Amino acid sequence: MCVIKPEEQIKSKALALGFEGCGITSCKTFDKESRALDAWLNNLYHAGMEFMRRNREKRENPSLLHPETKSVVVVLLNYGNPAYISQKKSSYQFAEYALGKDYHVVLKDKLQQLSDFITALSPSADNRCFVDTAPLFEKSFAVEAGLGWVGKNTLLITPQGSTFFIGEIFTTLSLTPDLPFKGQDCAHCNKCVNSCPTNALGTPYVLNANKCLSYHSIERKQTAWDATIEKQVNHYIYGCDICQQVCPYNVNRKQTAVAEFKIKPEILHFTDADWENISEETFHSIFADSAAKRIGYQKFKENISVTNKRKKLRD
């Protein structure tokens, strides 16, 4: 009789739930990453993201988030919509991760289903799911679980590209860990570094958020843009994907199979005029279940206004 190992059952279930990848690692400490974070903060590269200063001890020792954790199940969920740019009617653009429903909700639901499966395998297992908002070195966990490597653009890159959300399940169930990822890296490629319009990746593998268009279009505290950064604004009105668009590993990436990440009709069919004249009511109607709703109507309108101004100067 062939007994299927729990690790294999968990990975098989993850794929059945729609995850593109699943790996297992131990709940290790991250000394090297913590020192790098300290240097990043000391250089003030976090800009206005003061939350990055909090919970350092939990980032370094993630078992503090869920005591008695023996194993960490790491999953990847593909959000890629590679045909988006060629299909949209407007010259304005969104970062791909925000084209559909809010990934926090979608990923958390799938993680909970996988967590329930683990509990069914081992009723004594105590699990906790994490999606993006916890103080974790998520990309480092993915590397340790054998799923990819951290690229020069500071994103997780896999042989299938970089348009993936990362999720984790901390469990008290003892599982055999996978080997850390090895074999591929960015080598001598600097396309992401050279393509960043604001030089936010001036030091490869280090993102200076003070210069990052994605940071300024989403995370900035004030409504108005910083005058220096405003001069570099391009066609994005939410986020920025330039460093991913030029990455060679994204050339043949797959279309997401997750129904919730299907592109919202308005994002495809709105014209420039539709976006420029969008009402607050319409904004909330379109983005009620989207990650884009968090910036609010006023900042969204300002993003459009600044982008439109830069577009007119280019024309």
C-alpha atoms as a PDB file:
ATOM      1  CA  MET A   1       0.000   0.000   0.000  1.00  0.00           C
ATOM      2  CA  CYS A   2       1.396   3.406  -1.026  1.00  0.00           C
ATOM      3  CA  VAL A   3       1.126   6.039   1.682  1.00  0.00           C
ATOM      4  CA  ILE A   4       1.058   9.606   0.402  1.00  0.00           C
ATOM      5  CA  LYS A   5       3.153  11.894   2.565  1.00  0.00           C
ATOM      6  CA  PRO A   6       1.372  14.871   4.127  1.00  0.00           C
ATOM      7  CA  GLU A   7       3.753  17.260   2.339  1.00  0.00           C
ATOM      8  CA  GLU A   8       2.656  15.854  -1.021  1.00  0.00           C
ATOM      9  CA  GLN A   9      -1.014  16.003  -0.042  1.00  0.00           C
ATOM     10  CA  ILE A  10      -0.715  19.642   1.025  1.00  0.00           C
ATOM     11  CA  LYS A  11       1.040  20.638  -2.196  1.00  0.00           C
ATOM     12  CA  SER A  12      -1.492  18.760  -4.302  1.00  0.00           C
ATOM     13  CA  LYS A  13      -4.362  20.491  -2.490  1.00  0.00           C
ATOM     14  CA  ALA A  14      -2.675  23.885  -2.946  1.00  0.00           C
ATOM     15  CA  LEU A  15      -2.510  23.363  -6.707  1.00  0.00           C
ATOM     16  CA  ALA A  16      -6.138  22.205  -6.746  1.00  0.00           C
ATOM     17  CA  LEU A  17      -7.114  25.453  -5.000  1.00  0.00           C
ATOM     18  CA  GLY A  18      -5.453  27.445  -7.771  1.00  0.00           C
ATOM     19  CA  PHE A  19      -2.065  28.235  -6.273  1.00  0.00           C
ATOM     20  CA  GLU A  20       0.751  28.182  -8.825  1.00  0.00           C
ATOM     21  CA  GLY A  21       3.389  27.087  -6.353  1.00  0.00           C
ATOM     22  CA  CYS A  22       3.663  25.634  -2.871  1.00  0.00           C
ATOM     23  CA  GLY A  23       6.762  24.999  -0.798  1.00  0.00           C
ATOM     24  CA  ILE A  24       7.538  24.160   2.810  1.00  0.00           C
ATOM     25  CA  THR A  25      10.205  25.531   5.117  1.00  0.00           C
ATOM     26  CA  SER A  26      10.957  25.745   8.806  1.00  0.00           C
ATOM     27  CA  CYS A  27      10.207  28.792  10.942  1.00  0.00           C
ATOM     28  CA  LYS A  28      13.768  30.082  10.987  1.00  0.00           C
ATOM     29  CA  THR A  29      15.173  33.402  12.178  1.00  0.00           C
ATOM     30  CA  PHE A  30      16.212  36.044   9.656  1.00  0.00           C
ATOM     31  CA  ASP A  31      19.329  37.729  11.014  1.00  0.00           C
ATOM     32  CA  LYS A  32      20.799  38.787   7.660  1.00  0.00           C
ATOM     33  CA  GLU A  33      17.500  40.207   6.431  1.00  0.00           C
ATOM     34  CA  SER A  34      16.978  42.082   9.714  1.00  0.00           C
ATOM     35  CA  ARG A  35      20.381  43.749   9.440  1.00  0.00           C
ATOM     36  CA  ALA A  36      19.608  44.735   5.843  1.00  0.00           C
ATOM     37  CA  LEU A  37      16.256  46.184   6.989  1.00  0.00           C
ATOM     38  CA  ASP A  38      18.038  48.194   9.695  1.00  0.00           C
ATOM     39  CA  ALA A  39      20.394  49.678   7.102  1.00  0.00           C
ATOM     40  CA  TRP A  40      17.459  50.437   4.781  1.00  0.00           C
ATOM     41  CA  LEU A  41      15.626  52.242   7.576  1.00  0.00           C
ATOM     42  CA  ASN A  42      18.738  54.124   8.683  1.00  0.00           C
ATOM     43  CA  ASN A  43      19.083  55.405   5.103  1.00  0.00           C
ATOM     44  CA  LEU A  44      15.452  56.583   5.335  1.00  0.00           C
ATOM     45  CA  TYR A  45      14.602  54.573   2.229  1.00  0.00           C
ATOM     46  CA  HIS A  46      11.223  53.697   3.750  1.00  0.00           C
ATOM     47  CA  ALA A  47       9.990  57.277   3.082  1.00  0.00           C
ATOM     48  CA  GLY A  48       6.717  57.701   4.988  1.00  0.00           C
ATOM     49  CA  MET A  49       6.148  54.021   5.759  1.00  0.00           C
ATOM     50  CA  GLU A  50       6.810  54.268   9.500  1.00  0.00           C
ATOM     51  CA  PHE A  51       5.127  50.910  10.048  1.00  0.00           C
ATOM     52  CA  MET A  52       8.309  49.336   8.706  1.00  0.00           C
ATOM     53  CA  ARG A  53      10.041  50.360  11.933  1.00  0.00           C
ATOM     54  CA  ARG A  54       7.608  48.387  14.054  1.00  0.00           C
ATOM     55  CA  ASN A  55       7.812  44.741  15.129  1.00  0.00           C
ATOM     56  CA  ARG A  56      11.472  44.253  14.252  1.00  0.00           C
ATOM     57  CA  GLU A  57      11.748  41.359  16.714  1.00  0.00           C
ATOM     58  CA  LYS A  58       8.857  39.563  14.996  1.00  0.00           C
ATOM     59  CA  ARG A  59      10.413  40.009  11.554  1.00  0.00           C
ATOM     60  CA  GLU A  60      13.685  38.569  12.807  1.00  0.00           C
ATOM     61  CA  ASN A  61      12.034  35.777  14.780  1.00  0.00           C
ATOM     62  CA  PRO A  62       8.668  35.077  13.097  1.00  0.00           C
ATOM     63  CA  SER A  63       7.795  32.266  15.509  1.00  0.00           C
ATOM     64  CA  LEU A  64       6.753  35.090  17.860  1.00  0.00           C
ATOM     65  CA  LEU A  65       3.731  35.555  15.592  1.00  0.00           C
ATOM     66  CA  HIS A  66       2.554  32.004  16.217  1.00  0.00           C
ATOM     67  CA  PRO A  67       4.278  30.152  19.067  1.00  0.00           C
ATOM     68  CA  GLU A  68       5.069  26.463  18.631  1.00  0.00           C
ATOM     69  CA  THR A  69       5.219  26.806  14.841  1.00  0.00           C
ATOM     70  CA  LYS A  70       7.128  23.865  13.382  1.00  0.00           C
ATOM     71  CA  SER A  71       6.637  24.469   9.664  1.00  0.00           C
ATOM     72  CA  VAL A  72       5.670  27.234   7.250  1.00  0.00           C
ATOM     73  CA  VAL A  73       3.716  26.432   4.096  1.00  0.00           C
ATOM     74  CA  VAL A  74       4.377  29.101   1.466  1.00  0.00           C
ATOM     75  CA  VAL A  75       2.142  29.539  -1.576  1.00  0.00           C
ATOM     76  CA  LEU A  76       2.181  31.634  -4.742  1.00  0.00           C
ATOM     77  CA  LEU A  77      -0.955  32.919  -6.470  1.00  0.00           C
ATOM     78  CA  ASN A  78      -0.659  34.208 -10.038  1.00  0.00           C
ATOM     79  CA  TYR A  79      -2.315  37.559 -10.707  1.00  0.00           C
ATOM     80  CA  GLY A  80      -0.849  38.163 -14.158  1.00  0.00           C
ATOM     81  CA  ASN A  81      -2.941  39.630 -16.960  1.00  0.00           C
ATOM     82  CA  PRO A  82      -0.300  39.926 -19.708  1.00  0.00           C
ATOM     83  CA  ALA A  83      -2.778  41.091 -22.380  1.00  0.00           C
ATOM     84  CA  TYR A  84      -4.021  44.026 -20.281  1.00  0.00           C
ATOM     85  CA  ILE A  85      -1.956  46.755 -21.923  1.00  0.00           C
ATOM     86  CA  SER A  86      -2.933  45.746 -25.444  1.00  0.00           C
ATOM     87  CA  GLN A  87      -6.631  45.458 -24.532  1.00  0.00           C
ATOM     88  CA  LYS A  88      -7.292  48.645 -22.550  1.00  0.00           C
ATOM     89  CA  LYS A  89      -8.808  51.681 -24.284  1.00  0.00           C
ATOM     90  CA  SER A  90      -7.271  54.357 -22.081  1.00  0.00           C
ATOM     91  CA  SER A  91      -3.671  55.556 -22.089  1.00  0.00           C
ATOM     92  CA  TYR A  92      -3.827  55.492 -18.291  1.00  0.00           C
ATOM     93  CA  GLN A  93      -2.645  52.368 -16.571  1.00  0.00           C
ATOM     94  CA  PHE A  94      -2.948  50.379 -13.324  1.00  0.00           C
ATOM     95  CA  ALA A  95      -0.431  48.050 -11.740  1.00  0.00           C
ATOM     96  CA  GLU A  96      -1.535  44.547 -12.716  1.00  0.00           C
ATOM     97  CA  TYR A  97      -2.074  43.341  -9.176  1.00  0.00           C
ATOM     98  CA  ALA A  98      -4.965  45.826  -8.809  1.00  0.00           C
ATOM     99  CA  LEU A  99      -6.918  44.952 -11.967  1.00  0.00           C
ATOM    100  CA  GLY A 100      -9.376  42.633 -10.238  1.00  0.00           C
ATOM    101  CA  LYS A 101     -10.688  42.017  -6.738  1.00  0.00           C
ATOM    102  CA  ASP A 102      -8.688  42.755  -3.599  1.00  0.00           C
ATOM    103  CA  TYR A 103      -5.988  40.098  -3.348  1.00  0.00           C
ATOM    104  CA  HIS A 104      -6.022  40.235   0.462  1.00  0.00           C
ATOM    105  CA  VAL A 105      -9.526  38.771   0.496  1.00  0.00           C
ATOM    106  CA  VAL A 106      -8.976  36.292  -2.352  1.00  0.00           C
ATOM    107  CA  LEU A 107      -5.660  34.966  -1.045  1.00  0.00           C
ATOM    108  CA  LYS A 108      -6.843  34.795   2.570  1.00  0.00           C
ATOM    109  CA  ASP A 109      -9.873  32.719   1.540  1.00  0.00           C
ATOM    110  CA  LYS A 110      -7.748  30.216  -0.393  1.00  0.00           C
ATOM    111  CA  LEU A 111      -5.199  30.051   2.431  1.00  0.00           C
ATOM    112  CA  GLN A 112      -7.963  29.317   4.915  1.00  0.00           C
ATOM    113  CA  GLN A 113      -9.183  26.457   2.730  1.00  0.00           C
ATOM    114  CA  LEU A 114      -5.659  25.045   2.635  1.00  0.00           C
ATOM    115  CA  SER A 115      -5.348  25.531   6.399  1.00  0.00           C
ATOM    116  CA  ASP A 116      -8.604  23.614   6.924  1.00  0.00           C
ATOM    117  CA  PHE A 117      -7.185  20.811   4.777  1.00  0.00           C
ATOM    118  CA  ILE A 118      -4.066  20.666   6.955  1.00  0.00           C
ATOM    119  CA  THR A 119      -6.251  20.478  10.047  1.00  0.00           C
ATOM    120  CA  ALA A 120      -8.213  17.633   8.465  1.00  0.00           C
ATOM    121  CA  LEU A 121      -4.924  15.790   7.886  1.00  0.00           C
ATOM    122  CA  SER A 122      -3.818  16.402  11.454  1.00  0.00           C
ATOM    123  CA  PRO A 123      -6.584  17.574  13.816  1.00  0.00           C
ATOM    124  CA  SER A 124      -4.040  18.566  16.459  1.00  0.00           C
ATOM    125  CA  ALA A 125      -2.382  21.069  14.116  1.00  0.00           C
ATOM    126  CA  ASP A 126      -2.746  24.712  15.082  1.00  0.00           C
ATOM    127  CA  ASN A 127      -2.451  26.985  12.048  1.00  0.00           C
ATOM    128  CA  ARG A 128      -2.342  30.700  11.325  1.00  0.00           C
ATOM    129  CA  CYS A 129      -2.595  32.309   7.884  1.00  0.00           C
ATOM    130  CA  PHE A 130      -0.733  35.432   6.780  1.00  0.00           C
ATOM    131  CA  VAL A 131      -1.333  37.674   3.776  1.00  0.00           C
ATOM    132  CA  ASP A 132       0.913  40.661   3.151  1.00  0.00           C
ATOM    133  CA  THR A 133       0.053  42.756   6.213  1.00  0.00           C
ATOM    134  CA  ALA A 134       2.000  40.813   8.875  1.00  0.00           C
ATOM    135  CA  PRO A 135       5.604  41.797   9.782  1.00  0.00           C
ATOM    136  CA  LEU A 136       7.225  38.981   7.808  1.00  0.00           C
ATOM    137  CA  PHE A 137      10.089  38.631   5.353  1.00  0.00           C
ATOM    138  CA  GLU A 138       7.697  36.974   2.926  1.00  0.00           C
ATOM    139  CA  LYS A 139      10.059  36.856  -0.041  1.00  0.00           C
ATOM    140  CA  SER A 140      12.765  35.285   2.114  1.00  0.00           C
ATOM    141  CA  PHE A 141      10.304  32.624   3.242  1.00  0.00           C
ATOM    142  CA  ALA A 142       9.489  31.914  -0.411  1.00  0.00           C
ATOM    143  CA  VAL A 143      13.187  31.555  -1.228  1.00  0.00           C
ATOM    144  CA  GLU A 144      13.674  29.190   1.737  1.00  0.00           C
ATOM    145  CA  ALA A 145      10.688  27.150   0.519  1.00  0.00           C
ATOM    146  CA  GLY A 146      12.321  26.715  -2.901  1.00  0.00           C
ATOM    147  CA  LEU A 147       9.927  28.922  -4.875  1.00  0.00           C
ATOM    148  CA  GLY A 148      12.210  31.595  -6.348  1.00  0.00           C
ATOM    149  CA  TRP A 149      14.784  34.277  -5.638  1.00  0.00           C
ATOM    150  CA  VAL A 150      14.740  37.978  -4.789  1.00  0.00           C
ATOM    151  CA  GLY A 151      15.590  40.010  -7.882  1.00  0.00           C
ATOM    152  CA  LYS A 152      17.360  43.310  -8.345  1.00  0.00           C
ATOM    153  CA  ASN A 153      13.933  44.975  -8.346  1.00  0.00           C
ATOM    154  CA  THR A 154      13.455  43.565  -4.790  1.00  0.00           C
ATOM    155  CA  LEU A 155      10.531  41.366  -5.942  1.00  0.00           C
ATOM    156  CA  LEU A 156      10.271  37.601  -5.800  1.00  0.00           C
ATOM    157  CA  ILE A 157      11.162  36.194  -9.208  1.00  0.00           C
ATOM    158  CA  THR A 158      10.447  32.639 -10.284  1.00  0.00           C
ATOM    159  CA  PRO A 159      11.215  30.771 -13.509  1.00  0.00           C
ATOM    160  CA  GLN A 160       7.563  31.555 -14.416  1.00  0.00           C
ATOM    161  CA  GLY A 161       7.865  35.277 -13.756  1.00  0.00           C
ATOM    162  CA  SER A 162       7.194  37.650 -10.877  1.00  0.00           C
ATOM    163  CA  THR A 163       3.460  38.392 -10.965  1.00  0.00           C
ATOM    164  CA  PHE A 164       2.654  36.359  -7.864  1.00  0.00           C
ATOM    165  CA  PHE A 165       1.153  37.080  -4.484  1.00  0.00           C
ATOM    166  CA  ILE A 166       2.803  35.303  -1.555  1.00  0.00           C
ATOM    167  CA  GLY A 167       0.911  33.737   1.336  1.00  0.00           C
ATOM    168  CA  GLU A 168       1.968  31.715   4.362  1.00  0.00           C
ATOM    169  CA  ILE A 169       0.464  29.216   6.755  1.00  0.00           C
ATOM    170  CA  PHE A 170       2.287  28.812  10.064  1.00  0.00           C
ATOM    171  CA  THR A 171       1.504  25.387  11.480  1.00  0.00           C
ATOM    172  CA  THR A 172       2.458  23.356  14.527  1.00  0.00           C
ATOM    173  CA  LEU A 173       2.496  20.296  12.271  1.00  0.00           C
ATOM    174  CA  SER A 174       6.035  19.060  11.674  1.00  0.00           C
ATOM    175  CA  LEU A 175       6.650  18.762   7.921  1.00  0.00           C
ATOM    176  CA  THR A 176       9.747  17.940   5.889  1.00  0.00           C
ATOM    177  CA  PRO A 177      11.090  21.227   4.485  1.00  0.00           C
ATOM    178  CA  ASP A 178      12.014  21.791   0.861  1.00  0.00           C
ATOM    179  CA  LEU A 179      15.493  22.910  -0.131  1.00  0.00           C
ATOM    180  CA  PRO A 180      16.026  26.664  -0.569  1.00  0.00           C
ATOM    181  CA  PHE A 181      15.877  27.896  -4.152  1.00  0.00           C
ATOM    182  CA  LYS A 182      19.103  27.706  -6.095  1.00  0.00           C
ATOM    183  CA  GLY A 183      20.093  27.712  -9.761  1.00  0.00           C
ATOM    184  CA  GLN A 184      18.776  30.912 -11.310  1.00  0.00           C
ATOM    185  CA  ASP A 185      19.260  34.580 -10.553  1.00  0.00           C
ATOM    186  CA  CYS A 186      19.449  37.985 -12.214  1.00  0.00           C
ATOM    187  CA  ALA A 187      23.109  37.468 -13.169  1.00  0.00           C
ATOM    188  CA  HIS A 188      24.313  40.443 -15.221  1.00  0.00           C
ATOM    189  CA  CYS A 189      20.839  41.639 -16.218  1.00  0.00           C
ATOM    190  CA  ASN A 190      20.095  45.214 -15.119  1.00  0.00           C
ATOM    191  CA  LYS A 191      16.972  45.938 -17.161  1.00  0.00           C
ATOM    192  CA  CYS A 192      14.837  46.745 -14.129  1.00  0.00           C
ATOM    193  CA  VAL A 193      17.515  48.993 -12.647  1.00  0.00           C
ATOM    194  CA  ASN A 194      18.059  50.884 -15.905  1.00  0.00           C
ATOM    195  CA  SER A 195      14.360  51.179 -16.752  1.00  0.00           C
ATOM    196  CA  CYS A 196      13.195  52.751 -13.485  1.00  0.00           C
ATOM    197  CA  PRO A 197      12.359  56.354 -14.482  1.00  0.00           C
ATOM    198  CA  THR A 198      13.220  57.771 -11.046  1.00  0.00           C
ATOM    199  CA  ASN A 199      16.331  55.669 -10.332  1.00  0.00           C
ATOM    200  CA  ALA A 200      14.598  54.157  -7.305  1.00  0.00           C
ATOM    201  CA  LEU A 201      16.711  51.026  -7.870  1.00  0.00           C
ATOM    202  CA  GLY A 202      19.989  52.907  -8.128  1.00  0.00           C
ATOM    203  CA  THR A 203      21.487  50.268  -5.860  1.00  0.00           C
ATOM    204  CA  PRO A 204      20.381  46.848  -7.179  1.00  0.00           C
ATOM    205  CA  TYR A 205      18.371  44.820  -4.668  1.00  0.00           C
ATOM    206  CA  VAL A 206      17.598  48.001  -2.681  1.00  0.00           C
ATOM    207  CA  LEU A 207      14.444  50.056  -3.283  1.00  0.00           C
ATOM    208  CA  ASN A 208      14.488  53.729  -2.314  1.00  0.00           C
ATOM    209  CA  ALA A 209      10.792  54.384  -1.718  1.00  0.00           C
ATOM    210  CA  ASN A 210      11.419  58.136  -1.714  1.00  0.00           C
ATOM    211  CA  LYS A 211      11.913  57.849  -5.479  1.00  0.00           C
ATOM    212  CA  CYS A 212       9.447  55.058  -6.252  1.00  0.00           C
ATOM    213  CA  LEU A 213       6.423  55.987  -8.379  1.00  0.00           C
ATOM    214  CA  SER A 214       4.417  53.126  -6.915  1.00  0.00           C
ATOM    215  CA  TYR A 215       5.045  54.429  -3.394  1.00  0.00           C
ATOM    216  CA  HIS A 216       4.047  57.965  -4.328  1.00  0.00           C
ATOM    217  CA  SER A 217       0.894  56.952  -6.202  1.00  0.00           C
ATOM    218  CA  ILE A 218      -0.344  54.760  -3.338  1.00  0.00           C
ATOM    219  CA  GLU A 219       1.408  55.310  -0.007  1.00  0.00           C
ATOM    220  CA  ARG A 220       1.994  59.071   0.061  1.00  0.00           C
ATOM    221  CA  LYS A 221       0.211  60.710   2.990  1.00  0.00           C
ATOM    222  CA  GLN A 222      -0.726  64.009   1.390  1.00  0.00           C
ATOM    223  CA  THR A 223      -3.018  64.482  -1.601  1.00  0.00           C
ATOM    224  CA  ALA A 224      -0.520  66.491  -3.648  1.00  0.00           C
ATOM    225  CA  TRP A 225       2.529  64.903  -5.263  1.00  0.00           C
ATOM    226  CA  ASP A 226       6.108  65.773  -4.384  1.00  0.00           C
ATOM    227  CA  ALA A 227       7.156  68.302  -7.047  1.00  0.00           C
ATOM    228  CA  THR A 228      10.407  66.508  -7.896  1.00  0.00           C
ATOM    229  CA  ILE A 229       8.789  63.098  -8.327  1.00  0.00           C
ATOM    230  CA  GLU A 230       5.820  64.567 -10.192  1.00  0.00           C
ATOM    231  CA  LYS A 231       8.148  65.424 -13.070  1.00  0.00           C
ATOM    232  CA  GLN A 232       8.788  61.694 -13.615  1.00  0.00           C
ATOM    233  CA  VAL A 233       5.138  60.584 -13.617  1.00  0.00           C
ATOM    234  CA  ASN A 234       4.208  58.502 -16.652  1.00  0.00           C
ATOM    235  CA  HIS A 235       0.974  56.723 -17.641  1.00  0.00           C
ATOM    236  CA  TYR A 236       0.298  54.939 -14.334  1.00  0.00           C
ATOM    237  CA  ILE A 237      -2.533  56.220 -12.152  1.00  0.00           C
ATOM    238  CA  TYR A 238      -2.195  53.439  -9.580  1.00  0.00           C
ATOM    239  CA  GLY A 239       1.106  51.732  -8.804  1.00  0.00           C
ATOM    240  CA  CYS A 240       3.890  51.006 -11.294  1.00  0.00           C
ATOM    241  CA  ASP A 241       4.974  47.813 -13.068  1.00  0.00           C
ATOM    242  CA  ILE A 242       7.870  49.053 -15.189  1.00  0.00           C
ATOM    243  CA  CYS A 243      10.494  46.953 -13.399  1.00  0.00           C
ATOM    244  CA  GLN A 244       8.339  43.869 -13.980  1.00  0.00           C
ATOM    245  CA  GLN A 245       7.460  44.666 -17.589  1.00  0.00           C
ATOM    246  CA  VAL A 246      11.117  44.703 -18.617  1.00  0.00           C
ATOM    247  CA  CYS A 247      12.096  41.565 -16.666  1.00  0.00           C
ATOM    248  CA  PRO A 248      13.074  38.747 -19.058  1.00  0.00           C
ATOM    249  CA  TYR A 249      11.437  36.188 -16.784  1.00  0.00           C
ATOM    250  CA  ASN A 250       8.047  37.803 -17.424  1.00  0.00           C
ATOM    251  CA  VAL A 251       8.168  37.427 -21.205  1.00  0.00           C
ATOM    252  CA  ASN A 252       6.309  34.115 -21.220  1.00  0.00           C
ATOM    253  CA  ARG A 253       4.323  34.419 -18.011  1.00  0.00           C
ATOM    254  CA  LYS A 254       0.877  32.854 -17.881  1.00  0.00           C
ATOM    255  CA  GLN A 255      -2.529  34.437 -17.678  1.00  0.00           C
ATOM    256  CA  THR A 256      -4.028  34.083 -14.202  1.00  0.00           C
ATOM    257  CA  ALA A 257      -6.621  31.360 -13.838  1.00  0.00           C
ATOM    258  CA  VAL A 258      -8.101  32.995 -10.724  1.00  0.00           C
ATOM    259  CA  ALA A 259     -11.582  34.232 -11.617  1.00  0.00           C
ATOM    260  CA  GLU A 260     -11.468  37.002  -9.012  1.00  0.00           C
ATOM    261  CA  PHE A 261      -8.440  38.533 -10.744  1.00  0.00           C
ATOM    262  CA  LYS A 262     -10.274  38.982 -14.038  1.00  0.00           C
ATOM    263  CA  ILE A 263      -9.846  42.594 -15.158  1.00  0.00           C
ATOM    264  CA  LYS A 264     -12.681  44.864 -14.098  1.00  0.00           C
ATOM    265  CA  PRO A 265     -14.692  45.913 -17.215  1.00  0.00           C
ATOM    266  CA  GLU A 266     -14.266  49.621 -16.466  1.00  0.00           C
ATOM    267  CA  ILE A 267     -10.477  49.299 -16.306  1.00  0.00           C
ATOM    268  CA  LEU A 268     -10.536  47.824 -19.808  1.00  0.00           C
ATOM    269  CA  HIS A 269     -13.216  49.986 -21.392  1.00  0.00           C
ATOM    270  CA  PHE A 270     -12.932  53.417 -19.783  1.00  0.00           C
ATOM    271  CA  THR A 271     -11.412  56.097 -22.020  1.00  0.00           C
ATOM    272  CA  ASP A 272      -9.087  58.847 -20.811  1.00  0.00           C
ATOM    273  CA  ALA A 273     -12.096  61.149 -20.559  1.00  0.00           C
ATOM    274  CA  ASP A 274     -13.986  58.604 -18.448  1.00  0.00           C
ATOM    275  CA  TRP A 275     -11.148  58.488 -15.916  1.00  0.00           C
ATOM    276  CA  GLU A 276     -10.616  62.248 -15.945  1.00  0.00           C
ATOM    277  CA  ASN A 277     -14.295  62.870 -15.222  1.00  0.00           C
ATOM    278  CA  ILE A 278     -14.883  60.014 -12.779  1.00  0.00           C
ATOM    279  CA  SER A 279     -17.218  60.901  -9.901  1.00  0.00           C
ATOM    280  CA  GLU A 280     -16.679  59.859  -6.305  1.00  0.00           C
ATOM    281  CA  GLU A 281     -19.747  57.641  -6.507  1.00  0.00           C
ATOM    282  CA  THR A 282     -18.397  55.838  -9.576  1.00  0.00           C
ATOM    283  CA  PHE A 283     -14.965  55.464  -7.973  1.00  0.00           C
ATOM    284  CA  HIS A 284     -16.457  53.726  -4.946  1.00  0.00           C
ATOM    285  CA  SER A 285     -18.707  51.596  -7.138  1.00  0.00           C
ATOM    286  CA  ILE A 286     -15.832  50.319  -9.289  1.00  0.00           C
ATOM    287  CA  PHE A 287     -13.287  49.817  -6.526  1.00  0.00           C
ATOM    288  CA  ALA A 288     -15.492  48.707  -3.630  1.00  0.00           C
ATOM    289  CA  ASP A 289     -13.852  45.258  -3.665  1.00  0.00           C
ATOM    290  CA  SER A 290     -10.455  46.354  -5.016  1.00  0.00           C
ATOM    291  CA  ALA A 291      -7.060  47.035  -3.469  1.00  0.00           C
ATOM    292  CA  ALA A 292      -7.189  50.411  -5.240  1.00  0.00           C
ATOM    293  CA  LYS A 293      -9.937  51.682  -2.943  1.00  0.00           C
ATOM    294  CA  ARG A 294      -7.445  52.271  -0.128  1.00  0.00           C
ATOM    295  CA  ILE A 295      -5.987  55.425  -1.701  1.00  0.00           C
ATOM    296  CA  GLY A 296      -9.371  57.117  -1.708  1.00  0.00           C
ATOM    297  CA  TYR A 297     -11.084  59.259  -4.303  1.00  0.00           C
ATOM    298  CA  GLN A 298      -9.112  62.482  -3.793  1.00  0.00           C
ATOM    299  CA  LYS A 299      -5.679  60.917  -4.198  1.00  0.00           C
ATOM    300  CA  PHE A 300      -6.924  58.883  -7.156  1.00  0.00           C
ATOM    301  CA  LYS A 301      -8.162  62.060  -8.852  1.00  0.00           C
ATOM    302  CA  GLU A 302      -4.845  63.756  -8.130  1.00  0.00           C
ATOM    303  CA  ASN A 303      -2.992  60.810  -9.694  1.00  0.00           C
ATOM    304  CA  ILE A 304      -5.075  61.228 -12.843  1.00  0.00           C
ATOM    305  CA  SER A 305      -4.605  65.004 -12.868  1.00  0.00           C
ATOM    306  CA  VAL A 306      -0.818  64.793 -12.522  1.00  0.00           C
ATOM    307  CA  THR A 307      -0.586  62.019 -15.113  1.00  0.00           C
ATOM    308  CA  ASN A 308      -2.768  64.000 -17.511  1.00  0.00           C
ATOM    309  CA  LYS A 309      -0.589  67.070 -17.056  1.00  0.00           C
ATOM    310  CA  ARG A 310       2.568  65.101 -17.793  1.00  0.00           C
ATOM    311  CA  LYS A 311       0.860  63.524 -20.833  1.00  0.00           C
ATOM    312  CA  LYS A 312       0.036  66.950 -22.265  1.00  0.00           C
ATOM    313  CA  LEU A 313       3.633  68.083 -21.795  1.00  0.00           C
ATOM    314  CA  ARG A 314       4.887  64.988 -23.630  1.00  0.00           C
ATOM    315  CA  ASP A 315       2.403  65.523 -26.457  1.00  0.00           C
END
